[in-house]
């Protein structure tokens, strides 16, 4: 996804607000957005990264 696109930024902002992400999670979300093809893939990547970081 192109993080410079207004619609993508709006989706990212909604994810940040709805999930109450901290600074590190926001940075991780922006990094993952650039390699994700859709919002669903981005959410899956976030879940995977959260799961990986716990162990």
PDB file of N, CA and C in Angstrom:
ATOM      1  N   UNK A   1       0.835  -1.175   0.000  1.00  0.00           N
ATOM      2  CA  UNK A   1       0.000   0.000   0.000  1.00  0.00           C
ATOM      3  C   UNK A   1       0.880   1.238   0.000  1.00  0.00           C
ATOM      4  N   UNK A   2       0.402   2.266  -0.636  1.00  0.00           N
ATOM      5  CA  UNK A   2       1.132   3.523  -0.696  1.00  0.00           C
ATOM      6  C   UNK A   2       0.742   4.373   0.517  1.00  0.00           C
ATOM      7  N   UNK A   3       1.660   4.534   1.446  1.00  0.00           N
ATOM      8  CA  UNK A   3       1.331   5.261   2.675  1.00  0.00           C
ATOM      9  C   UNK A   3       1.203   6.762   2.444  1.00  0.00           C
ATOM     10  N   UNK A   4       1.496   7.235   1.242  1.00  0.00           N
ATOM     11  CA  UNK A   4       1.290   8.643   0.911  1.00  0.00           C
ATOM     12  C   UNK A   4      -0.115   8.907   0.380  1.00  0.00           C
ATOM     13  N   UNK A   5      -0.872   7.855   0.152  1.00  0.00           N
ATOM     14  CA  UNK A   5      -2.244   7.989  -0.339  1.00  0.00           C
ATOM     15  C   UNK A   5      -3.180   8.367   0.812  1.00  0.00           C
ATOM     16  N   UNK A   6      -4.072   9.294   0.574  1.00  0.00           N
ATOM     17  CA  UNK A   6      -4.956   9.795   1.634  1.00  0.00           C
ATOM     18  C   UNK A   6      -5.864   8.708   2.199  1.00  0.00           C
ATOM     19  N   UNK A   7      -6.370   7.822   1.352  1.00  0.00           N
ATOM     20  CA  UNK A   7      -7.267   6.763   1.846  1.00  0.00           C
ATOM     21  C   UNK A   7      -6.514   5.762   2.711  1.00  0.00           C
ATOM     22  N   UNK A   8      -5.277   5.474   2.363  1.00  0.00           N
ATOM     23  CA  UNK A   8      -4.454   4.564   3.161  1.00  0.00           C
ATOM     24  C   UNK A   8      -4.144   5.198   4.512  1.00  0.00           C
ATOM     25  N   UNK A   9      -3.815   6.469   4.513  1.00  0.00           N
ATOM     26  CA  UNK A   9      -3.544   7.172   5.771  1.00  0.00           C
ATOM     27  C   UNK A   9      -4.779   7.180   6.667  1.00  0.00           C
ATOM     28  N   UNK A  10      -5.949   7.337   6.068  1.00  0.00           N
ATOM     29  CA  UNK A  10      -7.190   7.316   6.836  1.00  0.00           C
ATOM     30  C   UNK A  10      -7.404   5.939   7.479  1.00  0.00           C
ATOM     31  N   UNK A  11      -7.140   4.869   6.732  1.00  0.00           N
ATOM     32  CA  UNK A  11      -7.279   3.515   7.285  1.00  0.00           C
ATOM     33  C   UNK A  11      -6.279   3.288   8.417  1.00  0.00           C
ATOM     34  N   UNK A  12      -5.058   3.753   8.233  1.00  0.00           N
ATOM     35  CA  UNK A  12      -4.038   3.608   9.271  1.00  0.00           C
ATOM     36  C   UNK A  12      -4.453   4.380  10.519  1.00  0.00           C
ATOM     37  N   UNK A  13      -4.960   5.589  10.343  1.00  0.00           N
ATOM     38  CA  UNK A  13      -5.415   6.381  11.487  1.00  0.00           C
ATOM     39  C   UNK A  13      -6.554   5.686  12.226  1.00  0.00           C
ATOM     40  N   UNK A  14      -7.477   5.079  11.489  1.00  0.00           N
ATOM     41  CA  UNK A  14      -8.572   4.353  12.132  1.00  0.00           C
ATOM     42  C   UNK A  14      -8.040   3.171  12.947  1.00  0.00           C
ATOM     43  N   UNK A  15      -7.047   2.460  12.409  1.00  0.00           N
ATOM     44  CA  UNK A  15      -6.447   1.343  13.145  1.00  0.00           C
ATOM     45  C   UNK A  15      -5.750   1.833  14.410  1.00  0.00           C
ATOM     46  N   UNK A  16      -5.056   2.943  14.314  1.00  0.00           N
ATOM     47  CA  UNK A  16      -4.347   3.495  15.472  1.00  0.00           C
ATOM     48  C   UNK A  16      -5.332   3.857  16.573  1.00  0.00           C
ATOM     49  N   UNK A  17      -6.407   4.525  16.201  1.00  0.00           N
ATOM     50  CA  UNK A  17      -7.396   4.969  17.191  1.00  0.00           C
ATOM     51  C   UNK A  17      -8.163   3.792  17.768  1.00  0.00           C
ATOM     52  N   UNK A  18      -8.630   2.890  16.919  1.00  0.00           N
ATOM     53  CA  UNK A  18      -9.468   1.791  17.402  1.00  0.00           C
ATOM     54  C   UNK A  18      -8.697   0.804  18.266  1.00  0.00           C
ATOM     55  N   UNK A  19      -7.395   0.646  17.991  1.00  0.00           N
ATOM     56  CA  UNK A  19      -6.594  -0.309  18.755  1.00  0.00           C
ATOM     57  C   UNK A  19      -5.761   0.349  19.846  1.00  0.00           C
ATOM     58  N   UNK A  20      -5.845   1.680  19.938  1.00  0.00           N
ATOM     59  CA  UNK A  20      -5.086   2.442  20.933  1.00  0.00           C
ATOM     60  C   UNK A  20      -3.609   2.047  20.935  1.00  0.00           C
ATOM     61  N   UNK A  21      -2.998   2.196  19.793  1.00  0.00           N
ATOM     62  CA  UNK A  21      -1.614   1.770  19.619  1.00  0.00           C
ATOM     63  C   UNK A  21      -0.650   2.747  20.276  1.00  0.00           C
ATOM     64  N   UNK A  22       0.447   2.202  20.814  1.00  0.00           N
ATOM     65  CA  UNK A  22       1.487   3.061  21.382  1.00  0.00           C
ATOM     66  C   UNK A  22       2.479   3.443  20.272  1.00  0.00           C
ATOM     67  N   UNK A  23       3.489   4.214  20.618  1.00  0.00           N
ATOM     68  CA  UNK A  23       4.430   4.728  19.621  1.00  0.00           C
ATOM     69  C   UNK A  23       5.122   3.616  18.847  1.00  0.00           C
ATOM     70  N   UNK A  24       5.579   2.603  19.552  1.00  0.00           N
ATOM     71  CA  UNK A  24       6.269   1.504  18.880  1.00  0.00           C
ATOM     72  C   UNK A  24       5.336   0.757  17.930  1.00  0.00           C
ATOM     73  N   UNK A  25       4.099   0.539  18.355  1.00  0.00           N
ATOM     74  CA  UNK A  25       3.139  -0.152  17.508  1.00  0.00           C
ATOM     75  C   UNK A  25       2.788   0.677  16.276  1.00  0.00           C
ATOM     76  N   UNK A  26       2.722   2.004  16.431  1.00  0.00           N
ATOM     77  CA  UNK A  26       2.432   2.875  15.290  1.00  0.00           C
ATOM     78  C   UNK A  26       3.565   2.798  14.271  1.00  0.00           C
ATOM     79  N   UNK A  27       4.797   2.850  14.740  1.00  0.00           N
ATOM     80  CA  UNK A  27       5.941   2.728  13.829  1.00  0.00           C
ATOM     81  C   UNK A  27       5.945   1.387  13.120  1.00  0.00           C
ATOM     82  N   UNK A  28       5.628   0.338  13.854  1.00  0.00           N
ATOM     83  CA  UNK A  28       5.557  -1.002  13.269  1.00  0.00           C
ATOM     84  C   UNK A  28       4.430  -1.060  12.231  1.00  0.00           C
ATOM     85  N   UNK A  29       3.294  -0.451  12.536  1.00  0.00           N
ATOM     86  CA  UNK A  29       2.166  -0.432  11.615  1.00  0.00           C
ATOM     87  C   UNK A  29       2.528   0.272  10.316  1.00  0.00           C
ATOM     88  N   UNK A  30       3.199   1.401  10.396  1.00  0.00           N
ATOM     89  CA  UNK A  30       3.588   2.150   9.196  1.00  0.00           C
ATOM     90  C   UNK A  30       4.594   1.348   8.366  1.00  0.00           C
ATOM     91  N   UNK A  31       5.526   0.688   9.032  1.00  0.00           N
ATOM     92  CA  UNK A  31       6.490  -0.144   8.299  1.00  0.00           C
ATOM     93  C   UNK A  31       5.798  -1.303   7.601  1.00  0.00           C
ATOM     94  N   UNK A  32       4.843  -1.927   8.280  1.00  0.00           N
ATOM     95  CA  UNK A  32       4.128  -3.047   7.684  1.00  0.00           C
ATOM     96  C   UNK A  32       3.186  -2.595   6.575  1.00  0.00           C
ATOM     97  N   UNK A  33       2.674  -1.386   6.668  1.00  0.00           N
ATOM     98  CA  UNK A  33       1.760  -0.877   5.636  1.00  0.00           C
ATOM     99  C   UNK A  33       2.456  -0.789   4.288  1.00  0.00           C
ATOM    100  N   UNK A  34       3.722  -0.446   4.311  1.00  0.00           N
ATOM    101  CA  UNK A  34       4.438  -0.292   3.043  1.00  0.00           C
ATOM    102  C   UNK A  34       4.659  -1.630   2.328  1.00  0.00           C
ATOM    103  N   UNK A  35       4.618  -2.744   3.057  1.00  0.00           N
ATOM    104  CA  UNK A  35       4.816  -4.053   2.426  1.00  0.00           C
ATOM    105  C   UNK A  35       3.521  -4.840   2.279  1.00  0.00           C
ATOM    106  N   UNK A  36       2.425  -4.315   2.802  1.00  0.00           N
ATOM    107  CA  UNK A  36       1.137  -4.997   2.716  1.00  0.00           C
ATOM    108  C   UNK A  36       0.395  -4.546   1.464  1.00  0.00           C
ATOM    109  N   UNK A  37      -0.402  -5.465   0.918  1.00  0.00           N
ATOM    110  CA  UNK A  37      -1.156  -5.152  -0.295  1.00  0.00           C
ATOM    111  C   UNK A  37      -2.564  -4.644  -0.011  1.00  0.00           C
ATOM    112  N   UNK A  38      -3.094  -4.943   1.176  1.00  0.00           N
ATOM    113  CA  UNK A  38      -4.451  -4.527   1.517  1.00  0.00           C
ATOM    114  C   UNK A  38      -4.549  -4.313   3.019  1.00  0.00           C
ATOM    115  N   UNK A  39      -5.660  -3.741   3.443  1.00  0.00           N
ATOM    116  CA  UNK A  39      -5.857  -3.502   4.871  1.00  0.00           C
ATOM    117  C   UNK A  39      -5.984  -4.817   5.626  1.00  0.00           C
ATOM    118  N   UNK A  40      -6.584  -5.823   4.993  1.00  0.00           N
ATOM    119  CA  UNK A  40      -6.702  -7.135   5.640  1.00  0.00           C
ATOM    120  C   UNK A  40      -5.328  -7.765   5.848  1.00  0.00           C
ATOM    121  N   UNK A  41      -4.490  -7.660   4.849  1.00  0.00           N
ATOM    122  CA  UNK A  41      -3.136  -8.190   4.972  1.00  0.00           C
ATOM    123  C   UNK A  41      -2.351  -7.434   6.041  1.00  0.00           C
ATOM    124  N   UNK A  42      -2.568  -6.131   6.116  1.00  0.00           N
ATOM    125  CA  UNK A  42      -1.899  -5.322   7.130  1.00  0.00           C
ATOM    126  C   UNK A  42      -2.318  -5.771   8.527  1.00  0.00           C
ATOM    127  N   UNK A  43      -3.608  -5.989   8.736  1.00  0.00           N
ATOM    128  CA  UNK A  43      -4.087  -6.448  10.044  1.00  0.00           C
ATOM    129  C   UNK A  43      -3.527  -7.819  10.388  1.00  0.00           C
ATOM    130  N   UNK A  44      -3.453  -8.717   9.406  1.00  0.00           N
ATOM    131  CA  UNK A  44      -2.863 -10.042   9.634  1.00  0.00           C
ATOM    132  C   UNK A  44      -1.385  -9.926   9.983  1.00  0.00           C
ATOM    133  N   UNK A  45      -0.673  -9.058   9.286  1.00  0.00           N
ATOM    134  CA  UNK A  45       0.749  -8.856   9.577  1.00  0.00           C
ATOM    135  C   UNK A  45       0.945  -8.304  10.984  1.00  0.00           C
ATOM    136  N   UNK A  46       0.079  -7.395  11.395  1.00  0.00           N
ATOM    137  CA  UNK A  46       0.172  -6.836  12.751  1.00  0.00           C
ATOM    138  C   UNK A  46      -0.052  -7.926  13.800  1.00  0.00           C
ATOM    139  N   UNK A  47      -1.052  -8.777  13.567  1.00  0.00           N
ATOM    140  CA  UNK A  47      -1.303  -9.880  14.502  1.00  0.00           C
ATOM    141  C   UNK A  47      -0.095 -10.808  14.566  1.00  0.00           C
ATOM    142  N   UNK A  48       0.490 -11.109  13.414  1.00  0.00           N
ATOM    143  CA  UNK A  48       1.646 -12.000  13.372  1.00  0.00           C
ATOM    144  C   UNK A  48       2.828 -11.381  14.100  1.00  0.00           C
ATOM    145  N   UNK A  49       3.083 -10.110  13.877  1.00  0.00           N
ATOM    146  CA  UNK A  49       4.200  -9.440  14.528  1.00  0.00           C
ATOM    147  C   UNK A  49       3.985  -9.356  16.037  1.00  0.00           C
ATOM    148  N   UNK A  50       2.757  -9.115  16.466  1.00  0.00           N
ATOM    149  CA  UNK A  50       2.450  -9.081  17.892  1.00  0.00           C
ATOM    150  C   UNK A  50       2.666 -10.444  18.496  1.00  0.00           C
ATOM    151  N   UNK A  51       2.212 -11.485  17.783  1.00  0.00           N
ATOM    152  CA  UNK A  51       2.386 -12.847  18.263  1.00  0.00           C
ATOM    153  C   UNK A  51       3.862 -13.201  18.349  1.00  0.00           C
ATOM    154  N   UNK A  52       4.644 -12.855  17.323  1.00  0.00           N
ATOM    155  CA  UNK A  52       6.074 -13.161  17.296  1.00  0.00           C
ATOM    156  C   UNK A  52       6.816 -12.447  18.428  1.00  0.00           C
ATOM    157  N   UNK A  53       6.456 -11.217  18.713  1.00  0.00           N
ATOM    158  CA  UNK A  53       7.207 -10.443  19.689  1.00  0.00           C
ATOM    159  C   UNK A  53       6.986 -10.936  21.118  1.00  0.00           C
ATOM    160  N   UNK A  54       5.912 -11.682  21.370  1.00  0.00           N
ATOM    161  CA  UNK A  54       5.650 -12.175  22.705  1.00  0.00           C
ATOM    162  C   UNK A  54       6.579 -13.323  23.082  1.00  0.00           C
ATOM    163  N   UNK A  55       7.109 -14.030  22.073  1.00  0.00           N
ATOM    164  CA  UNK A  55       7.900 -15.227  22.353  1.00  0.00           C
ATOM    165  C   UNK A  55       9.300 -15.150  21.871  1.00  0.00           C
TER     166      UNK A  55
END
